Amino acid sequence: MQDFEPPIHWNDYEDIAQKLFERFGNTMPESKIYRLRFTDLLTWVLEIEGFTGKKEECNEGHLEMIQSAWVYEWRDQQ
């Protein structure tokens, strides 16, 4: 039986952060995460497998929450 992962949407901040940490690991430390351009972050989120949100549905608030959740995820893994 295959594991089922539910679709990920814009306000699934922790899930997105976990996927970003899995992709970048320690190559993207806290200091780099906070200096990211939101255009790059948007692109990376849209590339996540199972992500179903649309670019047009995104706003700065979503990206700020994703950024913060990613920092917390990075800290948890240290």
PDB file of N, CA and C in Angstrom:
ATOM      1  N   MET A   1       0.843  -1.190   0.000  1.00  0.00           N
ATOM      2  CA  MET A   1       0.000   0.000   0.000  1.00  0.00           C
ATOM      3  C   MET A   1       0.882   1.244   0.000  1.00  0.00           C
ATOM      4  N   GLN A   2       0.533   2.163  -0.835  1.00  0.00           N
ATOM      5  CA  GLN A   2       1.327   3.381  -0.976  1.00  0.00           C
ATOM      6  C   GLN A   2       0.854   4.441   0.014  1.00  0.00           C
ATOM      7  N   ASP A   3       1.819   5.215   0.569  1.00  0.00           N
ATOM      8  CA  ASP A   3       1.458   6.303   1.477  1.00  0.00           C
ATOM      9  C   ASP A   3       0.749   7.394   0.700  1.00  0.00           C
ATOM     10  N   PHE A   4      -0.322   7.890   1.284  1.00  0.00           N
ATOM     11  CA  PHE A   4      -1.062   8.988   0.658  1.00  0.00           C
ATOM     12  C   PHE A   4      -0.734  10.280   1.377  1.00  0.00           C
ATOM     13  N   GLU A   5      -0.310  11.271   0.620  1.00  0.00           N
ATOM     14  CA  GLU A   5      -0.077  12.592   1.188  1.00  0.00           C
ATOM     15  C   GLU A   5      -1.152  13.518   0.656  1.00  0.00           C
ATOM     16  N   PRO A   6      -1.869  14.177   1.564  1.00  0.00           N
ATOM     17  CA  PRO A   6      -2.898  15.109   1.091  1.00  0.00           C
ATOM     18  C   PRO A   6      -2.269  16.275   0.345  1.00  0.00           C
ATOM     19  N   PRO A   7      -3.035  16.929  -0.504  1.00  0.00           N
ATOM     20  CA  PRO A   7      -2.492  18.077  -1.234  1.00  0.00           C
ATOM     21  C   PRO A   7      -2.079  19.194  -0.273  1.00  0.00           C
ATOM     22  N   ILE A   8      -1.105  19.970  -0.680  1.00  0.00           N
ATOM     23  CA  ILE A   8      -0.600  21.082   0.122  1.00  0.00           C
ATOM     24  C   ILE A   8      -1.104  22.389  -0.493  1.00  0.00           C
ATOM     25  N   HIS A   9      -1.613  23.261   0.366  1.00  0.00           N
ATOM     26  CA  HIS A   9      -2.142  24.547  -0.073  1.00  0.00           C
ATOM     27  C   HIS A   9      -1.325  25.679   0.556  1.00  0.00           C
ATOM     28  N   TRP A  10      -1.636  26.919   0.179  1.00  0.00           N
ATOM     29  CA  TRP A  10      -0.863  28.079   0.634  1.00  0.00           C
ATOM     30  C   TRP A  10      -0.790  28.224   2.143  1.00  0.00           C
ATOM     31  N   ASN A  11      -1.847  27.892   2.871  1.00  0.00           N
ATOM     32  CA  ASN A  11      -1.769  28.088   4.311  1.00  0.00           C
ATOM     33  C   ASN A  11      -1.336  26.843   5.077  1.00  0.00           C
ATOM     34  N   ASP A  12      -0.769  25.880   4.398  1.00  0.00           N
ATOM     35  CA  ASP A  12      -0.141  24.724   5.052  1.00  0.00           C
ATOM     36  C   ASP A  12       1.337  25.044   5.284  1.00  0.00           C
ATOM     37  N   TYR A  13       1.564  26.091   6.069  1.00  0.00           N
ATOM     38  CA  TYR A  13       2.909  26.651   6.229  1.00  0.00           C
ATOM     39  C   TYR A  13       3.933  25.639   6.738  1.00  0.00           C
ATOM     40  N   GLU A  14       3.540  24.852   7.749  1.00  0.00           N
ATOM     41  CA  GLU A  14       4.492  23.889   8.309  1.00  0.00           C
ATOM     42  C   GLU A  14       4.854  22.803   7.305  1.00  0.00           C
ATOM     43  N   ASP A  15       3.860  22.345   6.549  1.00  0.00           N
ATOM     44  CA  ASP A  15       4.124  21.319   5.531  1.00  0.00           C
ATOM     45  C   ASP A  15       5.060  21.858   4.449  1.00  0.00           C
ATOM     46  N   ILE A  16       4.815  23.087   4.028  1.00  0.00           N
ATOM     47  CA  ILE A  16       5.676  23.701   3.015  1.00  0.00           C
ATOM     48  C   ILE A  16       7.086  23.868   3.558  1.00  0.00           C
ATOM     49  N   ALA A  17       7.194  24.336   4.800  1.00  0.00           N
ATOM     50  CA  ALA A  17       8.506  24.526   5.419  1.00  0.00           C
ATOM     51  C   ALA A  17       9.273  23.207   5.499  1.00  0.00           C
ATOM     52  N   GLN A  18       8.576  22.144   5.861  1.00  0.00           N
ATOM     53  CA  GLN A  18       9.218  20.837   5.948  1.00  0.00           C
ATOM     54  C   GLN A  18       9.742  20.402   4.577  1.00  0.00           C
ATOM     55  N   LYS A  19       8.930  20.597   3.539  1.00  0.00           N
ATOM     56  CA  LYS A  19       9.351  20.228   2.184  1.00  0.00           C
ATOM     57  C   LYS A  19      10.553  21.066   1.739  1.00  0.00           C
ATOM     58  N   LEU A  20      10.557  22.350   2.073  1.00  0.00           N
ATOM     59  CA  LEU A  20      11.694  23.204   1.711  1.00  0.00           C
ATOM     60  C   LEU A  20      12.950  22.774   2.463  1.00  0.00           C
ATOM     61  N   PHE A  21      12.802  22.411   3.745  1.00  0.00           N
ATOM     62  CA  PHE A  21      13.960  21.933   4.487  1.00  0.00           C
ATOM     63  C   PHE A  21      14.473  20.627   3.889  1.00  0.00           C
ATOM     64  N   GLU A  22      13.564  19.742   3.509  1.00  0.00           N
ATOM     65  CA  GLU A  22      13.977  18.477   2.884  1.00  0.00           C
ATOM     66  C   GLU A  22      14.756  18.747   1.606  1.00  0.00           C
ATOM     67  N   ARG A  23      14.354  19.757   0.872  1.00  0.00           N
ATOM     68  CA  ARG A  23      15.024  20.081  -0.395  1.00  0.00           C
ATOM     69  C   ARG A  23      16.391  20.740  -0.168  1.00  0.00           C
ATOM     70  N   PHE A  24      16.447  21.701   0.742  1.00  0.00           N
ATOM     71  CA  PHE A  24      17.662  22.510   0.889  1.00  0.00           C
ATOM     72  C   PHE A  24      18.514  22.153   2.101  1.00  0.00           C
ATOM     73  N   GLY A  25      17.919  21.540   3.122  1.00  0.00           N
ATOM     74  CA  GLY A  25      18.667  21.146   4.309  1.00  0.00           C
ATOM     75  C   GLY A  25      19.465  22.286   4.906  1.00  0.00           C
ATOM     76  N   ASN A  26      20.676  21.974   5.324  1.00  0.00           N
ATOM     77  CA  ASN A  26      21.540  22.967   5.975  1.00  0.00           C
ATOM     78  C   ASN A  26      22.248  23.889   4.994  1.00  0.00           C
ATOM     79  N   THR A  27      22.021  23.698   3.690  1.00  0.00           N
ATOM     80  CA  THR A  27      22.609  24.633   2.725  1.00  0.00           C
ATOM     81  C   THR A  27      21.872  25.967   2.753  1.00  0.00           C
ATOM     82  N   MET A  28      20.706  25.981   3.406  1.00  0.00           N
ATOM     83  CA  MET A  28      19.923  27.209   3.514  1.00  0.00           C
ATOM     84  C   MET A  28      19.689  27.489   4.999  1.00  0.00           C
ATOM     85  N   PRO A  29      20.691  28.075   5.680  1.00  0.00           N
ATOM     86  CA  PRO A  29      20.542  28.374   7.108  1.00  0.00           C
ATOM     87  C   PRO A  29      19.605  29.562   7.343  1.00  0.00           C
ATOM     88  N   GLU A  30      19.304  29.785   8.604  1.00  0.00           N
ATOM     89  CA  GLU A  30      18.368  30.846   8.999  1.00  0.00           C
ATOM     90  C   GLU A  30      18.700  32.191   8.365  1.00  0.00           C
ATOM     91  N   SER A  31      19.968  32.574   8.379  1.00  0.00           N
ATOM     92  CA  SER A  31      20.353  33.881   7.836  1.00  0.00           C
ATOM     93  C   SER A  31      20.031  33.996   6.350  1.00  0.00           C
ATOM     94  N   LYS A  32      20.187  32.902   5.608  1.00  0.00           N
ATOM     95  CA  LYS A  32      19.862  32.923   4.171  1.00  0.00           C
ATOM     96  C   LYS A  32      18.351  32.917   3.941  1.00  0.00           C
ATOM     97  N   ILE A  33      17.631  32.173   4.762  1.00  0.00           N
ATOM     98  CA  ILE A  33      16.177  32.104   4.609  1.00  0.00           C
ATOM     99  C   ILE A  33      15.576  33.498   4.760  1.00  0.00           C
ATOM    100  N   TYR A  34      16.067  34.250   5.734  1.00  0.00           N
ATOM    101  CA  TYR A  34      15.519  35.594   5.967  1.00  0.00           C
ATOM    102  C   TYR A  34      15.930  36.598   4.901  1.00  0.00           C
ATOM    103  N   ARG A  35      16.932  36.270   4.093  1.00  0.00           N
ATOM    104  CA  ARG A  35      17.357  37.186   3.031  1.00  0.00           C
ATOM    105  C   ARG A  35      16.850  36.782   1.643  1.00  0.00           C
ATOM    106  N   LEU A  36      16.001  35.762   1.586  1.00  0.00           N
ATOM    107  CA  LEU A  36      15.475  35.286   0.309  1.00  0.00           C
ATOM    108  C   LEU A  36      14.624  36.336  -0.384  1.00  0.00           C
ATOM    109  N   ARG A  37      14.708  36.329  -1.685  1.00  0.00           N
ATOM    110  CA  ARG A  37      13.749  37.118  -2.463  1.00  0.00           C
ATOM    111  C   ARG A  37      12.452  36.319  -2.527  1.00  0.00           C
ATOM    112  N   PHE A  38      11.344  37.004  -2.349  1.00  0.00           N
ATOM    113  CA  PHE A  38      10.065  36.314  -2.366  1.00  0.00           C
ATOM    114  C   PHE A  38       9.773  35.698  -3.729  1.00  0.00           C
ATOM    115  N   THR A  39      10.334  36.244  -4.797  1.00  0.00           N
ATOM    116  CA  THR A  39      10.133  35.635  -6.114  1.00  0.00           C
ATOM    117  C   THR A  39      10.753  34.243  -6.162  1.00  0.00           C
ATOM    118  N   ASP A  40      11.924  34.078  -5.537  1.00  0.00           N
ATOM    119  CA  ASP A  40      12.555  32.752  -5.473  1.00  0.00           C
ATOM    120  C   ASP A  40      11.734  31.804  -4.605  1.00  0.00           C
ATOM    121  N   LEU A  41      11.313  32.295  -3.436  1.00  0.00           N
ATOM    122  CA  LEU A  41      10.513  31.461  -2.538  1.00  0.00           C
ATOM    123  C   LEU A  41       9.226  31.004  -3.221  1.00  0.00           C
ATOM    124  N   LEU A  42       8.574  31.895  -3.917  1.00  0.00           N
ATOM    125  CA  LEU A  42       7.348  31.565  -4.641  1.00  0.00           C
ATOM    126  C   LEU A  42       7.598  30.445  -5.646  1.00  0.00           C
ATOM    127  N   THR A  43       8.662  30.566  -6.409  1.00  0.00           N
ATOM    128  CA  THR A  43       9.008  29.544  -7.399  1.00  0.00           C
ATOM    129  C   THR A  43       9.236  28.196  -6.735  1.00  0.00           C
ATOM    130  N   TRP A  44       9.988  28.186  -5.636  1.00  0.00           N
ATOM    131  CA  TRP A  44      10.300  26.925  -4.944  1.00  0.00           C
ATOM    132  C   TRP A  44       9.050  26.280  -4.372  1.00  0.00           C
ATOM    133  N   VAL A  45       8.141  27.083  -3.835  1.00  0.00           N
ATOM    134  CA  VAL A  45       6.901  26.531  -3.291  1.00  0.00           C
ATOM    135  C   VAL A  45       6.081  25.902  -4.411  1.00  0.00           C
ATOM    136  N   LEU A  46       5.984  26.577  -5.534  1.00  0.00           N
ATOM    137  CA  LEU A  46       5.205  26.046  -6.657  1.00  0.00           C
ATOM    138  C   LEU A  46       5.793  24.745  -7.208  1.00  0.00           C
ATOM    139  N   GLU A  47       7.083  24.490  -6.978  1.00  0.00           N
ATOM    140  CA  GLU A  47       7.750  23.276  -7.448  1.00  0.00           C
ATOM    141  C   GLU A  47       7.574  22.084  -6.503  1.00  0.00           C
ATOM    142  N   ILE A  48       7.011  22.309  -5.316  1.00  0.00           N
ATOM    143  CA  ILE A  48       6.851  21.225  -4.340  1.00  0.00           C
ATOM    144  C   ILE A  48       5.855  20.191  -4.871  1.00  0.00           C
ATOM    145  N   GLU A  49       6.269  18.925  -4.804  1.00  0.00           N
ATOM    146  CA  GLU A  49       5.384  17.841  -5.232  1.00  0.00           C
ATOM    147  C   GLU A  49       4.165  17.798  -4.324  1.00  0.00           C
ATOM    148  N   GLY A  50       2.994  17.755  -4.918  1.00  0.00           N
ATOM    149  CA  GLY A  50       1.763  17.714  -4.149  1.00  0.00           C
ATOM    150  C   GLY A  50       1.210  19.086  -3.794  1.00  0.00           C
ATOM    151  N   PHE A  51       1.912  20.151  -4.190  1.00  0.00           N
ATOM    152  CA  PHE A  51       1.413  21.495  -3.921  1.00  0.00           C
ATOM    153  C   PHE A  51       0.357  21.837  -4.961  1.00  0.00           C
ATOM    154  N   THR A  52      -0.820  22.245  -4.498  1.00  0.00           N
ATOM    155  CA  THR A  52      -1.925  22.486  -5.423  1.00  0.00           C
ATOM    156  C   THR A  52      -2.335  23.947  -5.516  1.00  0.00           C
ATOM    157  N   GLY A  53      -1.674  24.822  -4.746  1.00  0.00           N
ATOM    158  CA  GLY A  53      -2.005  26.244  -4.804  1.00  0.00           C
ATOM    159  C   GLY A  53      -1.601  26.843  -6.143  1.00  0.00           C
ATOM    160  N   LYS A  54      -2.222  27.938  -6.484  1.00  0.00           N
ATOM    161  CA  LYS A  54      -1.924  28.653  -7.724  1.00  0.00           C
ATOM    162  C   LYS A  54      -1.139  29.922  -7.400  1.00  0.00           C
ATOM    163  N   LYS A  55      -0.293  30.319  -8.322  1.00  0.00           N
ATOM    164  CA  LYS A  55       0.517  31.517  -8.152  1.00  0.00           C
ATOM    165  C   LYS A  55      -0.357  32.727  -7.826  1.00  0.00           C
ATOM    166  N   GLU A  56      -1.494  32.824  -8.487  1.00  0.00           N
ATOM    167  CA  GLU A  56      -2.393  33.969  -8.321  1.00  0.00           C
ATOM    168  C   GLU A  56      -3.016  34.024  -6.927  1.00  0.00           C
ATOM    169  N   GLU A  57      -3.030  32.902  -6.214  1.00  0.00           N
ATOM    170  CA  GLU A  57      -3.619  32.853  -4.880  1.00  0.00           C
ATOM    171  C   GLU A  57      -2.637  33.285  -3.792  1.00  0.00           C
ATOM    172  N   CYS A  58      -1.395  33.445  -4.151  1.00  0.00           N
ATOM    173  CA  CYS A  58      -0.349  33.767  -3.187  1.00  0.00           C
ATOM    174  C   CYS A  58      -0.356  35.261  -2.874  1.00  0.00           C
ATOM    175  N   ASN A  59       0.000  35.584  -1.630  1.00  0.00           N
ATOM    176  CA  ASN A  59       0.209  36.980  -1.266  1.00  0.00           C
ATOM    177  C   ASN A  59       1.422  37.079  -0.334  1.00  0.00           C
ATOM    178  N   GLU A  60       1.821  38.284  -0.037  1.00  0.00           N
ATOM    179  CA  GLU A  60       3.012  38.492   0.781  1.00  0.00           C
ATOM    180  C   GLU A  60       2.877  37.852   2.162  1.00  0.00           C
ATOM    181  N   GLY A  61       1.673  37.877   2.713  1.00  0.00           N
ATOM    182  CA  GLY A  61       1.440  37.253   4.015  1.00  0.00           C
ATOM    183  C   GLY A  61       1.739  35.769   4.009  1.00  0.00           C
ATOM    184  N   HIS A  62       1.317  35.070   2.943  1.00  0.00           N
ATOM    185  CA  HIS A  62       1.624  33.644   2.824  1.00  0.00           C
ATOM    186  C   HIS A  62       3.134  33.428   2.809  1.00  0.00           C
ATOM    187  N   LEU A  63       3.839  34.214   2.017  1.00  0.00           N
ATOM    188  CA  LEU A  63       5.285  34.027   1.889  1.00  0.00           C
ATOM    189  C   LEU A  63       6.000  34.339   3.198  1.00  0.00           C
ATOM    190  N   GLU A  64       5.534  35.341   3.926  1.00  0.00           N
ATOM    191  CA  GLU A  64       6.145  35.656   5.221  1.00  0.00           C
ATOM    192  C   GLU A  64       5.940  34.514   6.212  1.00  0.00           C
ATOM    193  N   MET A  65       4.746  33.939   6.224  1.00  0.00           N
ATOM    194  CA  MET A  65       4.469  32.820   7.131  1.00  0.00           C
ATOM    195  C   MET A  65       5.281  31.576   6.748  1.00  0.00           C
ATOM    196  N   ILE A  66       5.420  31.326   5.462  1.00  0.00           N
ATOM    197  CA  ILE A  66       6.237  30.200   4.997  1.00  0.00           C
ATOM    198  C   ILE A  66       7.688  30.413   5.408  1.00  0.00           C
ATOM    199  N   GLN A  67       8.183  31.620   5.219  1.00  0.00           N
ATOM    200  CA  GLN A  67       9.558  31.957   5.583  1.00  0.00           C
ATOM    201  C   GLN A  67       9.792  31.711   7.081  1.00  0.00           C
ATOM    202  N   SER A  68       8.895  32.187   7.918  1.00  0.00           N
ATOM    203  CA  SER A  68       9.027  31.994   9.367  1.00  0.00           C
ATOM    204  C   SER A  68       8.964  30.515   9.739  1.00  0.00           C
ATOM    205  N   ALA A  69       8.020  29.795   9.146  1.00  0.00           N
ATOM    206  CA  ALA A  69       7.894  28.367   9.444  1.00  0.00           C
ATOM    207  C   ALA A  69       9.149  27.608   9.012  1.00  0.00           C
ATOM    208  N   TRP A  70       9.747  28.018   7.902  1.00  0.00           N
ATOM    209  CA  TRP A  70      10.973  27.379   7.417  1.00  0.00           C
ATOM    210  C   TRP A  70      12.111  27.618   8.404  1.00  0.00           C
ATOM    211  N   VAL A  71      12.207  28.822   8.935  1.00  0.00           N
ATOM    212  CA  VAL A  71      13.243  29.112   9.940  1.00  0.00           C
ATOM    213  C   VAL A  71      13.047  28.226  11.165  1.00  0.00           C
ATOM    214  N   TYR A  72      11.811  28.100  11.642  1.00  0.00           N
ATOM    215  CA  TYR A  72      11.548  27.242  12.800  1.00  0.00           C
ATOM    216  C   TYR A  72      11.873  25.792  12.490  1.00  0.00           C
ATOM    217  N   GLU A  73      11.550  25.323  11.291  1.00  0.00           N
ATOM    218  CA  GLU A  73      11.883  23.968  10.882  1.00  0.00           C
ATOM    219  C   GLU A  73      13.401  23.779  10.866  1.00  0.00           C
ATOM    220  N   TRP A  74      14.117  24.753  10.332  1.00  0.00           N
ATOM    221  CA  TRP A  74      15.583  24.681  10.291  1.00  0.00           C
ATOM    222  C   TRP A  74      16.144  24.611  11.716  1.00  0.00           C
ATOM    223  N   ARG A  75      15.618  25.456  12.607  1.00  0.00           N
ATOM    224  CA  ARG A  75      16.086  25.461  14.013  1.00  0.00           C
ATOM    225  C   ARG A  75      15.812  24.122  14.685  1.00  0.00           C
ATOM    226  N   ASP A  76      14.647  23.548  14.436  1.00  0.00           N
ATOM    227  CA  ASP A  76      14.291  22.262  15.033  1.00  0.00           C
ATOM    228  C   ASP A  76      15.244  21.154  14.609  1.00  0.00           C
ATOM    229  N   GLN A  77      15.818  21.266  13.435  1.00  0.00           N
ATOM    230  CA  GLN A  77      16.689  20.216  12.899  1.00  0.00           C
ATOM    231  C   GLN A  77      18.141  20.387  13.323  1.00  0.00           C
ATOM    232  N   GLN A  78      18.451  21.462  14.017  1.00  0.00           N
ATOM    233  CA  GLN A  78      19.843  21.717  14.424  1.00  0.00           C
ATOM    234  C   GLN A  78      20.174  21.030  15.728  1.00  0.00           C
TER     235      GLN A  78
END
